[in-house]
N, C-alpha and C. Protein backbone atom coordinates (compact mmCIF):
# COMPACT_ATOMS: atom_id res chain seq x y z
N MET A 1 0.83 -1.20 0.00
CA MET A 1 0.00 0.00 0.00
C MET A 1 0.87 1.26 0.00
N GLU A 2 1.95 1.22 0.77
CA GLU A 2 2.84 2.38 0.86
C GLU A 2 3.48 2.68 -0.50
N ALA A 3 3.89 1.64 -1.20
CA ALA A 3 4.50 1.83 -2.51
C ALA A 3 3.50 2.44 -3.49
N PHE A 4 2.24 2.04 -3.40
CA PHE A 4 1.21 2.59 -4.27
C PHE A 4 1.03 4.09 -4.03
N ILE A 5 1.05 4.51 -2.79
CA ILE A 5 0.89 5.92 -2.46
C ILE A 5 2.04 6.74 -3.05
N PHE A 6 3.26 6.26 -2.90
CA PHE A 6 4.40 6.98 -3.45
C PHE A 6 4.39 7.00 -4.97
N MET A 7 3.97 5.90 -5.60
CA MET A 7 3.85 5.90 -7.06
C MET A 7 2.77 6.88 -7.52
N PHE A 8 1.67 6.95 -6.79
CA PHE A 8 0.61 7.90 -7.11
C PHE A 8 1.12 9.34 -7.00
N LEU A 9 1.83 9.65 -5.92
CA LEU A 9 2.38 10.99 -5.75
C LEU A 9 3.37 11.33 -6.87
N GLN A 10 4.17 10.37 -7.29
CA GLN A 10 5.10 10.59 -8.39
C GLN A 10 4.36 10.80 -9.71
N ALA A 11 3.30 10.04 -9.93
CA ALA A 11 2.51 10.20 -11.16
C ALA A 11 1.86 11.58 -11.22
N VAL A 12 1.33 12.04 -10.11
CA VAL A 12 0.73 13.37 -10.07
C VAL A 12 1.80 14.43 -10.34
N THR A 13 2.98 14.25 -9.77
CA THR A 13 4.09 15.18 -10.00
C THR A 13 4.45 15.23 -11.48
N VAL A 14 4.53 14.09 -12.13
CA VAL A 14 4.87 14.04 -13.55
C VAL A 14 3.80 14.74 -14.38
N VAL A 15 2.54 14.52 -14.06
CA VAL A 15 1.45 15.17 -14.81
C VAL A 15 1.51 16.68 -14.65
N ILE A 16 1.80 17.15 -13.44
CA ILE A 16 1.90 18.60 -13.21
C ILE A 16 3.05 19.20 -13.99
N ILE A 17 4.20 18.55 -13.98
CA ILE A 17 5.35 19.06 -14.73
C ILE A 17 5.07 19.02 -16.23
N LEU A 18 4.48 17.94 -16.70
CA LEU A 18 4.12 17.83 -18.11
C LEU A 18 3.14 18.93 -18.52
N ASP A 19 2.16 19.20 -17.69
CA ASP A 19 1.19 20.26 -17.98
C ASP A 19 1.87 21.62 -18.04
N ALA A 20 2.79 21.86 -17.12
CA ALA A 20 3.50 23.15 -17.11
C ALA A 20 4.35 23.32 -18.37
N VAL A 21 5.05 22.27 -18.78
CA VAL A 21 5.88 22.35 -19.98
C VAL A 21 4.99 22.51 -21.22
N LEU A 22 3.92 21.76 -21.29
CA LEU A 22 3.02 21.87 -22.44
C LEU A 22 2.36 23.24 -22.52
N SER A 23 2.17 23.89 -21.40
CA SER A 23 1.54 25.21 -21.42
C SER A 23 2.41 26.23 -22.14
N TRP A 24 3.69 25.97 -22.25
CA TRP A 24 4.60 26.88 -22.97
C TRP A 24 4.51 26.69 -24.48
N VAL A 25 4.15 25.49 -24.94
CA VAL A 25 4.25 25.18 -26.36
C VAL A 25 2.93 24.82 -27.04
N GLN A 26 1.87 24.60 -26.29
CA GLN A 26 0.62 24.16 -26.89
C GLN A 26 -0.54 25.03 -26.44
N ALA A 27 -1.53 25.11 -27.30
CA ALA A 27 -2.77 25.78 -26.95
C ALA A 27 -3.53 24.91 -25.94
N PRO A 28 -4.33 25.53 -25.08
CA PRO A 28 -5.05 24.75 -24.06
C PRO A 28 -5.99 23.68 -24.62
N ALA A 29 -6.52 23.87 -25.81
CA ALA A 29 -7.46 22.90 -26.37
C ALA A 29 -6.77 21.76 -27.12
N ALA A 30 -5.48 21.85 -27.35
CA ALA A 30 -4.76 20.83 -28.12
C ALA A 30 -4.48 19.60 -27.25
N PHE A 31 -4.52 18.43 -27.90
CA PHE A 31 -4.17 17.21 -27.20
C PHE A 31 -2.66 17.08 -27.18
N PRO A 32 -2.00 16.70 -26.14
CA PRO A 32 -2.42 16.17 -24.85
C PRO A 32 -2.62 17.24 -23.77
N ARG A 33 -2.42 18.50 -24.12
CA ARG A 33 -2.57 19.57 -23.11
C ARG A 33 -3.97 19.59 -22.53
N SER A 34 -4.98 19.34 -23.35
CA SER A 34 -6.35 19.33 -22.84
C SER A 34 -6.53 18.26 -21.77
N LEU A 35 -5.86 17.13 -21.95
CA LEU A 35 -5.95 16.03 -20.98
C LEU A 35 -5.23 16.39 -19.67
N THR A 36 -4.00 16.87 -19.78
CA THR A 36 -3.26 17.22 -18.56
C THR A 36 -3.90 18.39 -17.84
N SER A 37 -4.43 19.32 -18.60
CA SER A 37 -5.09 20.48 -18.02
C SER A 37 -6.35 20.08 -17.25
N SER A 38 -7.11 19.15 -17.80
CA SER A 38 -8.33 18.71 -17.11
C SER A 38 -8.01 17.93 -15.83
N MET A 39 -6.84 17.28 -15.79
CA MET A 39 -6.46 16.54 -14.59
C MET A 39 -5.90 17.46 -13.51
N THR A 40 -5.22 18.53 -13.90
CA THR A 40 -4.59 19.40 -12.92
C THR A 40 -5.46 20.58 -12.48
N ALA A 41 -6.45 20.93 -13.24
CA ALA A 41 -7.30 22.09 -12.91
C ALA A 41 -7.91 22.01 -11.51
N PRO A 42 -8.44 20.85 -11.08
CA PRO A 42 -9.00 20.80 -9.72
C PRO A 42 -7.94 21.00 -8.63
N LEU A 43 -6.70 20.60 -8.91
CA LEU A 43 -5.63 20.82 -7.93
C LEU A 43 -5.25 22.29 -7.85
N TYR A 44 -5.25 22.96 -9.00
CA TYR A 44 -4.83 24.35 -9.07
C TYR A 44 -5.88 25.33 -8.55
N ALA A 45 -7.14 24.97 -8.63
CA ALA A 45 -8.23 25.91 -8.32
C ALA A 45 -8.11 26.58 -6.95
N PRO A 46 -7.87 25.85 -5.86
CA PRO A 46 -7.76 26.53 -4.56
C PRO A 46 -6.56 27.48 -4.48
N ILE A 47 -5.47 27.12 -5.12
CA ILE A 47 -4.28 27.97 -5.11
C ILE A 47 -4.53 29.22 -5.94
N ARG A 48 -5.16 29.04 -7.10
CA ARG A 48 -5.44 30.19 -7.96
C ARG A 48 -6.45 31.14 -7.33
N ALA A 49 -7.28 30.64 -6.44
CA ALA A 49 -8.23 31.52 -5.75
C ALA A 49 -7.49 32.51 -4.85
N VAL A 50 -6.36 32.07 -4.31
CA VAL A 50 -5.58 32.93 -3.42
C VAL A 50 -4.50 33.68 -4.20
N LEU A 51 -3.77 32.95 -5.04
CA LEU A 51 -2.66 33.53 -5.81
C LEU A 51 -2.99 33.52 -7.30
N SER A 52 -3.96 34.29 -7.70
CA SER A 52 -4.33 34.30 -9.12
C SER A 52 -3.22 34.96 -9.94
N PRO A 53 -3.06 34.52 -11.18
CA PRO A 53 -2.02 35.12 -12.03
C PRO A 53 -2.19 36.64 -12.20
N GLN A 54 -3.41 37.15 -12.08
CA GLN A 54 -3.62 38.59 -12.17
C GLN A 54 -2.98 39.32 -11.00
N LYS A 55 -2.91 38.67 -9.86
CA LYS A 55 -2.31 39.28 -8.67
C LYS A 55 -0.79 39.14 -8.63
N THR A 56 -0.26 38.21 -9.40
CA THR A 56 1.17 37.91 -9.34
C THR A 56 1.91 38.29 -10.63
N GLY A 57 1.41 39.27 -11.32
CA GLY A 57 2.09 39.75 -12.52
C GLY A 57 2.00 38.81 -13.70
N GLY A 58 0.96 37.99 -13.77
CA GLY A 58 0.77 37.09 -14.90
C GLY A 58 1.44 35.74 -14.75
N ILE A 59 2.12 35.52 -13.65
CA ILE A 59 2.81 34.24 -13.42
C ILE A 59 1.91 33.35 -12.56
N ASP A 60 1.71 32.12 -13.02
CA ASP A 60 0.87 31.17 -12.29
C ASP A 60 1.77 30.34 -11.38
N PHE A 61 1.67 30.59 -10.09
CA PHE A 61 2.48 29.86 -9.12
C PHE A 61 1.81 28.58 -8.61
N SER A 62 0.60 28.29 -9.06
CA SER A 62 -0.11 27.12 -8.53
C SER A 62 0.61 25.80 -8.79
N PRO A 63 1.23 25.55 -9.96
CA PRO A 63 1.96 24.28 -10.10
C PRO A 63 3.12 24.17 -9.11
N LEU A 64 3.82 25.26 -8.89
CA LEU A 64 4.95 25.24 -7.95
C LEU A 64 4.46 24.96 -6.53
N VAL A 65 3.37 25.58 -6.13
CA VAL A 65 2.84 25.37 -4.78
C VAL A 65 2.39 23.92 -4.60
N ILE A 66 1.71 23.37 -5.61
CA ILE A 66 1.25 21.98 -5.53
C ILE A 66 2.44 21.02 -5.50
N LEU A 67 3.47 21.28 -6.32
CA LEU A 67 4.66 20.42 -6.30
C LEU A 67 5.35 20.46 -4.94
N MET A 68 5.44 21.63 -4.34
CA MET A 68 6.05 21.73 -3.01
C MET A 68 5.20 20.99 -1.97
N ALA A 69 3.89 21.08 -2.08
CA ALA A 69 3.00 20.37 -1.15
C ALA A 69 3.13 18.86 -1.31
N LEU A 70 3.24 18.40 -2.55
CA LEU A 70 3.41 16.96 -2.79
C LEU A 70 4.74 16.46 -2.23
N GLN A 71 5.78 17.26 -2.40
CA GLN A 71 7.09 16.89 -1.85
C GLN A 71 7.05 16.84 -0.33
N LEU A 72 6.41 17.82 0.27
CA LEU A 72 6.26 17.83 1.72
C LEU A 72 5.48 16.62 2.21
N LEU A 73 4.38 16.31 1.53
CA LEU A 73 3.58 15.14 1.91
C LEU A 73 4.39 13.86 1.77
N SER A 74 5.14 13.74 0.70
CA SER A 74 5.98 12.57 0.51
C SER A 74 7.02 12.43 1.62
N ASN A 75 7.64 13.54 1.98
CA ASN A 75 8.64 13.51 3.07
C ASN A 75 8.00 13.17 4.41
N VAL A 76 6.83 13.69 4.67
CA VAL A 76 6.14 13.38 5.93
C VAL A 76 5.80 11.90 5.99
N LEU A 77 5.31 11.36 4.87
CA LEU A 77 4.95 9.94 4.84
C LEU A 77 6.16 9.03 4.98
N ARG A 78 7.30 9.47 4.48
CA ARG A 78 8.53 8.69 4.62
C ARG A 78 9.14 8.84 6.01
N GLY A 79 8.71 9.84 6.73
CA GLY A 79 9.26 10.06 8.06
C GLY A 79 10.51 10.91 8.07
N VAL A 80 10.76 11.64 6.98
CA VAL A 80 11.94 12.48 6.89
C VAL A 80 11.80 13.68 7.80
N LEU A 81 10.61 14.25 7.86
CA LEU A 81 10.39 15.43 8.71
C LEU A 81 9.86 15.05 10.07
């Protein structure tokens, strides 16, 4: 069960990074960006409510915040912290 949780956290991390990279080169409606965007949008929504790109000079910090939270969760589950 523990291995499954860590694999899931890694998979979510990969999807977030892939979505961020695709956002630089693809339109939001293009495949596979539409797929990664639909998977990450629910994760980003609470962060964007507080740190919207309009408030931060057009930079979307939500992927970075989610990646840091996933890393923290992974470390807590491993007992590092």
